[in-house]
N, C-alpha and C. Protein backbone atom coordinates (compact mmCIF):
# COMPACT_ATOMS: atom_id res chain seq x y z
N MET A 1 -2.12 0.12 54.63
CA MET A 1 -2.22 -1.08 53.83
C MET A 1 -3.69 -1.48 53.61
N LYS A 2 -4.50 -1.33 54.66
CA LYS A 2 -5.91 -1.69 54.56
C LYS A 2 -6.61 -0.78 53.56
N LYS A 3 -6.28 0.51 53.56
CA LYS A 3 -6.92 1.44 52.62
C LYS A 3 -6.51 1.14 51.18
N LEU A 4 -5.27 0.74 50.98
CA LEU A 4 -4.81 0.37 49.65
C LEU A 4 -5.58 -0.85 49.15
N PHE A 5 -5.74 -1.85 50.01
CA PHE A 5 -6.50 -3.04 49.64
C PHE A 5 -7.94 -2.68 49.28
N GLN A 6 -8.56 -1.81 50.07
CA GLN A 6 -9.94 -1.40 49.80
C GLN A 6 -10.04 -0.66 48.47
N LEU A 7 -9.05 0.19 48.19
CA LEU A 7 -9.04 0.93 46.93
C LEU A 7 -8.90 -0.02 45.75
N LEU A 8 -8.00 -0.99 45.85
CA LEU A 8 -7.82 -1.96 44.78
C LEU A 8 -9.07 -2.82 44.57
N LEU A 9 -9.71 -3.20 45.66
CA LEU A 9 -10.94 -3.98 45.56
C LEU A 9 -12.04 -3.17 44.86
N LEU A 10 -12.21 -1.93 45.26
CA LEU A 10 -13.21 -1.07 44.64
C LEU A 10 -12.92 -0.86 43.16
N LEU A 11 -11.67 -0.64 42.83
CA LEU A 11 -11.29 -0.44 41.44
C LEU A 11 -11.56 -1.69 40.61
N SER A 12 -11.22 -2.86 41.13
CA SER A 12 -11.46 -4.09 40.37
C SER A 12 -12.94 -4.36 40.17
N LEU A 13 -13.76 -4.07 41.18
CA LEU A 13 -15.21 -4.26 41.03
C LEU A 13 -15.79 -3.30 40.00
N THR A 14 -15.30 -2.08 40.00
CA THR A 14 -15.77 -1.08 39.05
C THR A 14 -15.40 -1.47 37.63
N LEU A 15 -14.17 -1.89 37.43
CA LEU A 15 -13.73 -2.28 36.09
C LEU A 15 -14.45 -3.52 35.59
N SER A 16 -14.69 -4.47 36.44
CA SER A 16 -15.38 -5.69 35.99
C SER A 16 -16.83 -5.41 35.62
N SER A 17 -17.48 -4.50 36.31
CA SER A 17 -18.86 -4.19 35.95
C SER A 17 -18.91 -3.35 34.68
N TYR A 18 -17.87 -2.56 34.42
CA TYR A 18 -17.81 -1.76 33.20
C TYR A 18 -17.55 -2.64 31.98
N ALA A 19 -16.81 -3.69 32.17
CA ALA A 19 -16.35 -4.51 31.06
C ALA A 19 -17.46 -5.36 30.43
N GLN A 20 -18.53 -5.62 31.14
CA GLN A 20 -19.56 -6.49 30.60
C GLN A 20 -20.84 -5.71 30.31
N GLN A 21 -21.42 -6.01 29.20
CA GLN A 21 -22.72 -5.46 28.84
C GLN A 21 -23.63 -6.63 28.53
N SER A 22 -24.89 -6.44 28.76
CA SER A 22 -25.81 -7.51 28.40
C SER A 22 -27.00 -6.95 27.65
N ILE A 23 -27.53 -7.78 26.81
CA ILE A 23 -28.73 -7.46 26.04
C ILE A 23 -29.80 -8.43 26.51
N HIS A 24 -30.97 -7.92 26.80
CA HIS A 24 -32.05 -8.81 27.20
C HIS A 24 -33.36 -8.30 26.61
N GLY A 25 -34.30 -9.21 26.45
CA GLY A 25 -35.58 -8.82 25.88
C GLY A 25 -36.53 -10.00 25.78
N ASN A 26 -37.61 -9.77 25.07
CA ASN A 26 -38.64 -10.78 24.85
C ASN A 26 -38.89 -10.91 23.36
N VAL A 27 -39.13 -12.13 22.92
CA VAL A 27 -39.50 -12.38 21.53
C VAL A 27 -40.96 -12.82 21.54
N VAL A 28 -41.78 -12.07 20.79
CA VAL A 28 -43.21 -12.37 20.74
C VAL A 28 -43.68 -12.44 19.29
N ASP A 29 -44.77 -13.14 19.07
CA ASP A 29 -45.40 -13.21 17.76
C ASP A 29 -45.95 -11.83 17.41
N SER A 30 -45.67 -11.36 16.20
CA SER A 30 -46.09 -10.00 15.82
C SER A 30 -47.60 -9.84 15.71
N GLN A 31 -48.33 -10.92 15.45
CA GLN A 31 -49.77 -10.80 15.30
C GLN A 31 -50.52 -11.07 16.60
N SER A 32 -50.13 -12.14 17.30
CA SER A 32 -50.90 -12.51 18.50
C SER A 32 -50.30 -11.92 19.78
N GLY A 33 -49.02 -11.55 19.75
CA GLY A 33 -48.37 -11.04 20.95
C GLY A 33 -47.96 -12.13 21.93
N GLU A 34 -48.13 -13.39 21.53
CA GLU A 34 -47.77 -14.52 22.38
C GLU A 34 -46.25 -14.68 22.41
N PRO A 35 -45.68 -15.05 23.57
CA PRO A 35 -44.23 -15.28 23.64
C PRO A 35 -43.82 -16.49 22.80
N LEU A 36 -42.61 -16.42 22.23
CA LEU A 36 -42.12 -17.49 21.38
C LEU A 36 -40.94 -18.20 22.06
N PRO A 37 -41.17 -19.38 22.61
CA PRO A 37 -40.09 -20.14 23.25
C PRO A 37 -39.19 -20.82 22.21
N GLY A 38 -37.91 -20.98 22.54
CA GLY A 38 -36.99 -21.72 21.69
C GLY A 38 -36.47 -20.98 20.48
N VAL A 39 -36.67 -19.68 20.41
CA VAL A 39 -36.16 -18.90 19.29
C VAL A 39 -34.69 -18.60 19.53
N THR A 40 -33.86 -18.77 18.49
CA THR A 40 -32.43 -18.46 18.60
C THR A 40 -32.22 -16.98 18.34
N VAL A 41 -31.52 -16.31 19.26
CA VAL A 41 -31.20 -14.89 19.14
C VAL A 41 -29.69 -14.79 19.05
N MET A 42 -29.18 -14.17 17.96
CA MET A 42 -27.74 -14.04 17.73
C MET A 42 -27.36 -12.57 17.63
N VAL A 43 -26.12 -12.26 18.03
CA VAL A 43 -25.58 -10.92 17.84
C VAL A 43 -25.03 -10.86 16.43
N LYS A 44 -25.49 -9.88 15.65
CA LYS A 44 -25.10 -9.76 14.26
C LYS A 44 -23.59 -9.62 14.13
N GLY A 45 -22.99 -10.42 13.26
CA GLY A 45 -21.57 -10.35 13.00
C GLY A 45 -20.70 -11.06 14.03
N MET A 46 -21.32 -11.78 14.96
CA MET A 46 -20.56 -12.49 15.99
C MET A 46 -21.13 -13.89 16.15
N SER A 47 -20.38 -14.74 16.83
CA SER A 47 -20.88 -16.09 17.09
C SER A 47 -21.39 -16.20 18.52
N ILE A 48 -22.06 -15.15 18.97
CA ILE A 48 -22.63 -15.12 20.31
C ILE A 48 -24.14 -15.15 20.17
N GLY A 49 -24.78 -16.05 20.92
CA GLY A 49 -26.22 -16.15 20.84
C GLY A 49 -26.79 -16.96 21.99
N THR A 50 -28.10 -17.04 22.00
CA THR A 50 -28.82 -17.80 23.01
C THR A 50 -30.19 -18.16 22.46
N SER A 51 -30.96 -18.89 23.24
CA SER A 51 -32.34 -19.23 22.88
C SER A 51 -33.29 -18.63 23.91
N THR A 52 -34.49 -18.35 23.46
CA THR A 52 -35.49 -17.81 24.39
C THR A 52 -36.00 -18.92 25.30
N ASP A 53 -36.42 -18.52 26.50
CA ASP A 53 -36.98 -19.50 27.44
C ASP A 53 -38.46 -19.72 27.14
N ILE A 54 -39.15 -20.41 27.99
CA ILE A 54 -40.56 -20.76 27.76
C ILE A 54 -41.46 -19.53 27.67
N ASP A 55 -41.02 -18.42 28.27
CA ASP A 55 -41.80 -17.17 28.22
C ASP A 55 -41.29 -16.21 27.15
N GLY A 56 -40.40 -16.67 26.26
CA GLY A 56 -39.89 -15.84 25.18
C GLY A 56 -38.79 -14.88 25.60
N ARG A 57 -38.28 -15.01 26.82
CA ARG A 57 -37.24 -14.09 27.31
C ARG A 57 -35.85 -14.60 26.97
N PHE A 58 -34.91 -13.64 26.77
CA PHE A 58 -33.52 -14.00 26.53
C PHE A 58 -32.60 -12.96 27.16
N SER A 59 -31.35 -13.36 27.36
CA SER A 59 -30.32 -12.47 27.86
C SER A 59 -28.98 -12.94 27.29
N ILE A 60 -28.20 -11.99 26.77
CA ILE A 60 -26.89 -12.30 26.19
C ILE A 60 -25.87 -11.37 26.84
N THR A 61 -24.79 -11.94 27.37
CA THR A 61 -23.69 -11.14 27.91
C THR A 61 -22.65 -10.96 26.83
N LEU A 62 -22.30 -9.71 26.56
CA LEU A 62 -21.33 -9.39 25.52
C LEU A 62 -19.92 -9.31 26.09
N PRO A 63 -18.91 -9.57 25.26
CA PRO A 63 -17.53 -9.42 25.71
C PRO A 63 -17.19 -7.93 25.88
N PRO A 64 -16.06 -7.63 26.52
CA PRO A 64 -15.65 -6.23 26.69
C PRO A 64 -15.53 -5.53 25.34
N PRO A 65 -15.83 -4.24 25.28
CA PRO A 65 -15.79 -3.49 24.02
C PRO A 65 -14.44 -3.54 23.31
N SER A 66 -13.35 -3.68 24.03
CA SER A 66 -12.04 -3.71 23.40
C SER A 66 -11.84 -4.95 22.52
N ARG A 67 -12.63 -5.99 22.74
CA ARG A 67 -12.51 -7.23 21.96
C ARG A 67 -13.52 -7.29 20.82
N VAL A 68 -14.34 -6.26 20.68
CA VAL A 68 -15.40 -6.29 19.68
C VAL A 68 -15.36 -5.00 18.88
N ASN A 69 -15.43 -5.11 17.54
CA ASN A 69 -15.46 -3.91 16.71
C ASN A 69 -16.77 -3.17 16.86
N SER A 70 -17.87 -3.90 16.70
CA SER A 70 -19.18 -3.27 16.76
C SER A 70 -20.23 -4.33 17.04
N TYR A 71 -21.14 -4.03 17.95
CA TYR A 71 -22.29 -4.91 18.18
C TYR A 71 -23.51 -4.04 18.39
N LYS A 72 -23.97 -3.47 17.27
CA LYS A 72 -25.06 -2.52 17.33
C LYS A 72 -26.43 -3.15 17.18
N SER A 73 -26.52 -4.28 16.51
CA SER A 73 -27.85 -4.82 16.28
C SER A 73 -27.93 -6.29 16.63
N VAL A 74 -29.10 -6.70 17.00
CA VAL A 74 -29.38 -8.10 17.32
C VAL A 74 -30.45 -8.58 16.37
N ILE A 75 -30.26 -9.77 15.81
CA ILE A 75 -31.29 -10.34 14.94
C ILE A 75 -31.81 -11.60 15.55
């Protein structure tokens, strides 16, 4: 019984980590290279987005691939 529980726990952790993907990066000014705080970053074709922090960094967690047709580009 203990081994079955351990197997189920391992399987659930593996599936949950597979199901989520995230996109992260920095938004900077193209001329000066300075970070741009407060910029809205959206996933093209979806209503998922976020804003950059004070250092121009952002991170977006995407839904599982089965719920999304395509999320190839970020604008």
